[in-house]
């Protein structure tokens, strides 16, 4: 998967999506699909968010 850049709609911060096919294996959320992404501001941190929520809160940059 090639990386894509996204803008957080609330903060305006830019993030790079690394994967959008991560499977959550915790008991309460088994099989939930997650997005793995990183911030341009915090290069040493990774973030994960439920896929539907990610696409509600971020806009893809062209």
N, C-alpha and C. Protein backbone atom coordinates (compact mmCIF):
# COMPACT_ATOMS: atom_id res chain seq x y z
N UNK A 1 0.85 -1.19 0.00
CA UNK A 1 0.00 0.00 0.00
C UNK A 1 0.88 1.24 0.00
N UNK A 2 0.65 2.13 -0.93
CA UNK A 2 1.40 3.38 -0.94
C UNK A 2 0.80 4.33 0.10
N UNK A 3 1.64 5.13 0.72
CA UNK A 3 1.16 6.01 1.78
C UNK A 3 0.38 7.19 1.18
N UNK A 4 -0.60 7.63 1.94
CA UNK A 4 -1.43 8.76 1.54
C UNK A 4 -1.42 9.77 2.67
N UNK A 5 -1.54 11.05 2.34
CA UNK A 5 -1.57 12.12 3.33
C UNK A 5 -3.02 12.53 3.59
N UNK A 6 -3.30 12.81 4.87
CA UNK A 6 -4.63 13.21 5.30
C UNK A 6 -4.52 14.42 6.23
N UNK A 7 -5.55 15.25 6.20
CA UNK A 7 -5.65 16.41 7.09
C UNK A 7 -6.74 16.14 8.12
N UNK A 8 -6.41 16.32 9.39
CA UNK A 8 -7.39 16.17 10.46
C UNK A 8 -8.34 17.37 10.38
N UNK A 9 -9.64 17.11 10.30
CA UNK A 9 -10.61 18.18 10.07
C UNK A 9 -10.70 19.17 11.23
N UNK A 10 -10.47 18.74 12.45
CA UNK A 10 -10.57 19.62 13.61
C UNK A 10 -9.30 20.43 13.84
N UNK A 11 -8.13 19.78 13.78
CA UNK A 11 -6.88 20.46 14.12
C UNK A 11 -6.13 21.00 12.92
N UNK A 12 -6.38 20.43 11.74
CA UNK A 12 -5.64 20.83 10.55
C UNK A 12 -4.28 20.17 10.42
N UNK A 13 -3.93 19.32 11.38
CA UNK A 13 -2.63 18.63 11.33
C UNK A 13 -2.63 17.61 10.20
N UNK A 14 -1.43 17.36 9.65
CA UNK A 14 -1.26 16.45 8.53
C UNK A 14 -0.73 15.11 9.04
N UNK A 15 -1.30 14.03 8.51
CA UNK A 15 -0.92 12.67 8.90
C UNK A 15 -0.70 11.83 7.65
N UNK A 16 0.12 10.83 7.81
CA UNK A 16 0.38 9.88 6.73
C UNK A 16 -0.23 8.54 7.11
N UNK A 17 -1.12 8.03 6.26
CA UNK A 17 -1.70 6.72 6.50
C UNK A 17 -0.69 5.66 6.09
N UNK A 18 -0.43 4.73 7.01
CA UNK A 18 0.51 3.65 6.73
C UNK A 18 -0.21 2.38 6.28
N UNK A 19 -1.33 2.08 6.93
CA UNK A 19 -2.13 0.89 6.59
C UNK A 19 -3.59 1.19 6.92
N UNK A 20 -4.51 0.61 6.16
CA UNK A 20 -5.93 0.75 6.47
C UNK A 20 -6.62 -0.61 6.52
N UNK A 21 -5.83 -1.63 6.83
CA UNK A 21 -6.37 -2.99 6.86
C UNK A 21 -5.93 -3.76 8.11
N UNK A 22 -5.68 -3.05 9.20
CA UNK A 22 -5.27 -3.66 10.45
C UNK A 22 -6.50 -4.27 11.13
N UNK A 23 -6.39 -5.48 11.62
CA UNK A 23 -7.51 -6.15 12.28
C UNK A 23 -7.33 -6.06 13.79
N UNK A 24 -8.33 -5.51 14.46
CA UNK A 24 -8.34 -5.42 15.91
C UNK A 24 -8.73 -6.78 16.46
N UNK A 25 -7.88 -7.34 17.32
CA UNK A 25 -8.13 -8.68 17.84
C UNK A 25 -8.46 -8.69 19.33
N UNK A 26 -8.78 -7.53 19.90
CA UNK A 26 -9.21 -7.53 21.30
C UNK A 26 -10.60 -8.14 21.39
N UNK A 27 -10.91 -8.72 22.52
CA UNK A 27 -12.18 -9.45 22.68
C UNK A 27 -13.41 -8.60 22.37
N UNK A 28 -13.46 -7.39 22.87
CA UNK A 28 -14.64 -6.54 22.70
C UNK A 28 -14.83 -6.06 21.26
N UNK A 29 -13.73 -5.94 20.52
CA UNK A 29 -13.80 -5.38 19.17
C UNK A 29 -13.23 -6.32 18.12
N UNK A 30 -13.36 -7.58 18.32
CA UNK A 30 -12.78 -8.56 17.41
C UNK A 30 -13.20 -8.31 15.97
N UNK A 31 -12.20 -8.36 15.09
CA UNK A 31 -12.40 -8.22 13.65
C UNK A 31 -12.67 -6.78 13.19
N UNK A 32 -12.64 -5.83 14.08
CA UNK A 32 -12.82 -4.43 13.69
C UNK A 32 -11.62 -4.00 12.85
N UNK A 33 -11.87 -3.28 11.76
CA UNK A 33 -10.79 -2.83 10.88
C UNK A 33 -10.29 -1.47 11.35
N UNK A 34 -8.97 -1.34 11.43
CA UNK A 34 -8.33 -0.14 11.95
C UNK A 34 -7.40 0.48 10.91
N UNK A 35 -7.09 1.77 11.13
CA UNK A 35 -6.13 2.50 10.30
C UNK A 35 -4.91 2.81 11.16
N UNK A 36 -3.74 2.55 10.63
CA UNK A 36 -2.47 2.88 11.27
C UNK A 36 -1.91 4.10 10.57
N UNK A 37 -1.57 5.15 11.34
CA UNK A 37 -1.09 6.38 10.72
C UNK A 37 -0.08 7.08 11.63
N UNK A 38 0.65 8.03 11.05
CA UNK A 38 1.62 8.79 11.83
C UNK A 38 1.48 10.27 11.50
N UNK A 39 1.95 11.07 12.45
CA UNK A 39 1.86 12.52 12.34
C UNK A 39 3.13 13.09 11.71
N UNK A 40 2.97 14.15 10.95
CA UNK A 40 4.15 14.87 10.46
C UNK A 40 4.87 15.59 11.60
N UNK A 41 4.14 15.92 12.67
CA UNK A 41 4.74 16.63 13.81
C UNK A 41 5.49 15.69 14.75
N UNK A 42 4.98 14.48 14.93
CA UNK A 42 5.55 13.52 15.87
C UNK A 42 5.99 12.27 15.12
N UNK A 43 7.12 12.34 14.46
CA UNK A 43 7.60 11.26 13.58
C UNK A 43 7.85 9.96 14.33
N UNK A 44 8.08 10.02 15.63
CA UNK A 44 8.41 8.80 16.39
C UNK A 44 7.18 8.11 16.98
N UNK A 45 5.97 8.62 16.72
CA UNK A 45 4.75 8.03 17.27
C UNK A 45 3.86 7.50 16.17
N UNK A 46 3.20 6.38 16.46
CA UNK A 46 2.20 5.82 15.56
C UNK A 46 0.85 5.89 16.23
N UNK A 47 -0.19 6.04 15.42
CA UNK A 47 -1.55 6.14 15.92
C UNK A 47 -2.41 5.09 15.24
N UNK A 48 -3.48 4.68 15.92
CA UNK A 48 -4.42 3.73 15.34
C UNK A 48 -5.83 4.20 15.68
N UNK A 49 -6.71 4.07 14.70
CA UNK A 49 -8.09 4.52 14.88
C UNK A 49 -9.00 3.61 14.05
N UNK A 50 -10.21 3.40 14.52
CA UNK A 50 -11.18 2.59 13.79
C UNK A 50 -11.40 3.22 12.41
N UNK A 51 -11.47 2.39 11.38
CA UNK A 51 -11.46 2.86 9.99
C UNK A 51 -12.59 3.83 9.68
N UNK A 52 -13.81 3.51 10.06
CA UNK A 52 -14.93 4.42 9.78
C UNK A 52 -14.74 5.77 10.45
N UNK A 53 -14.28 5.75 11.70
CA UNK A 53 -14.03 7.00 12.43
C UNK A 53 -12.93 7.81 11.76
N UNK A 54 -11.89 7.12 11.29
CA UNK A 54 -10.79 7.82 10.62
C UNK A 54 -11.31 8.61 9.42
N UNK A 55 -12.12 7.99 8.58
CA UNK A 55 -12.62 8.66 7.38
C UNK A 55 -13.64 9.74 7.69
N UNK A 56 -14.23 9.73 8.89
CA UNK A 56 -15.12 10.82 9.32
C UNK A 56 -14.33 12.03 9.77
N UNK A 57 -13.14 11.82 10.34
CA UNK A 57 -12.38 12.89 10.97
C UNK A 57 -11.20 13.41 10.14
N UNK A 58 -10.91 12.75 9.03
CA UNK A 58 -9.77 13.13 8.20
C UNK A 58 -10.21 13.29 6.75
N UNK A 59 -9.52 14.18 6.04
CA UNK A 59 -9.78 14.39 4.62
C UNK A 59 -8.48 14.09 3.86
N UNK A 60 -8.58 13.29 2.81
CA UNK A 60 -7.40 12.95 2.03
C UNK A 60 -6.92 14.15 1.24
N UNK A 61 -5.61 14.35 1.23
CA UNK A 61 -5.00 15.43 0.45
C UNK A 61 -4.57 14.88 -0.90
N UNK A 62 -4.74 15.65 -1.93
CA UNK A 62 -4.34 15.23 -3.28
C UNK A 62 -2.97 15.71 -3.63
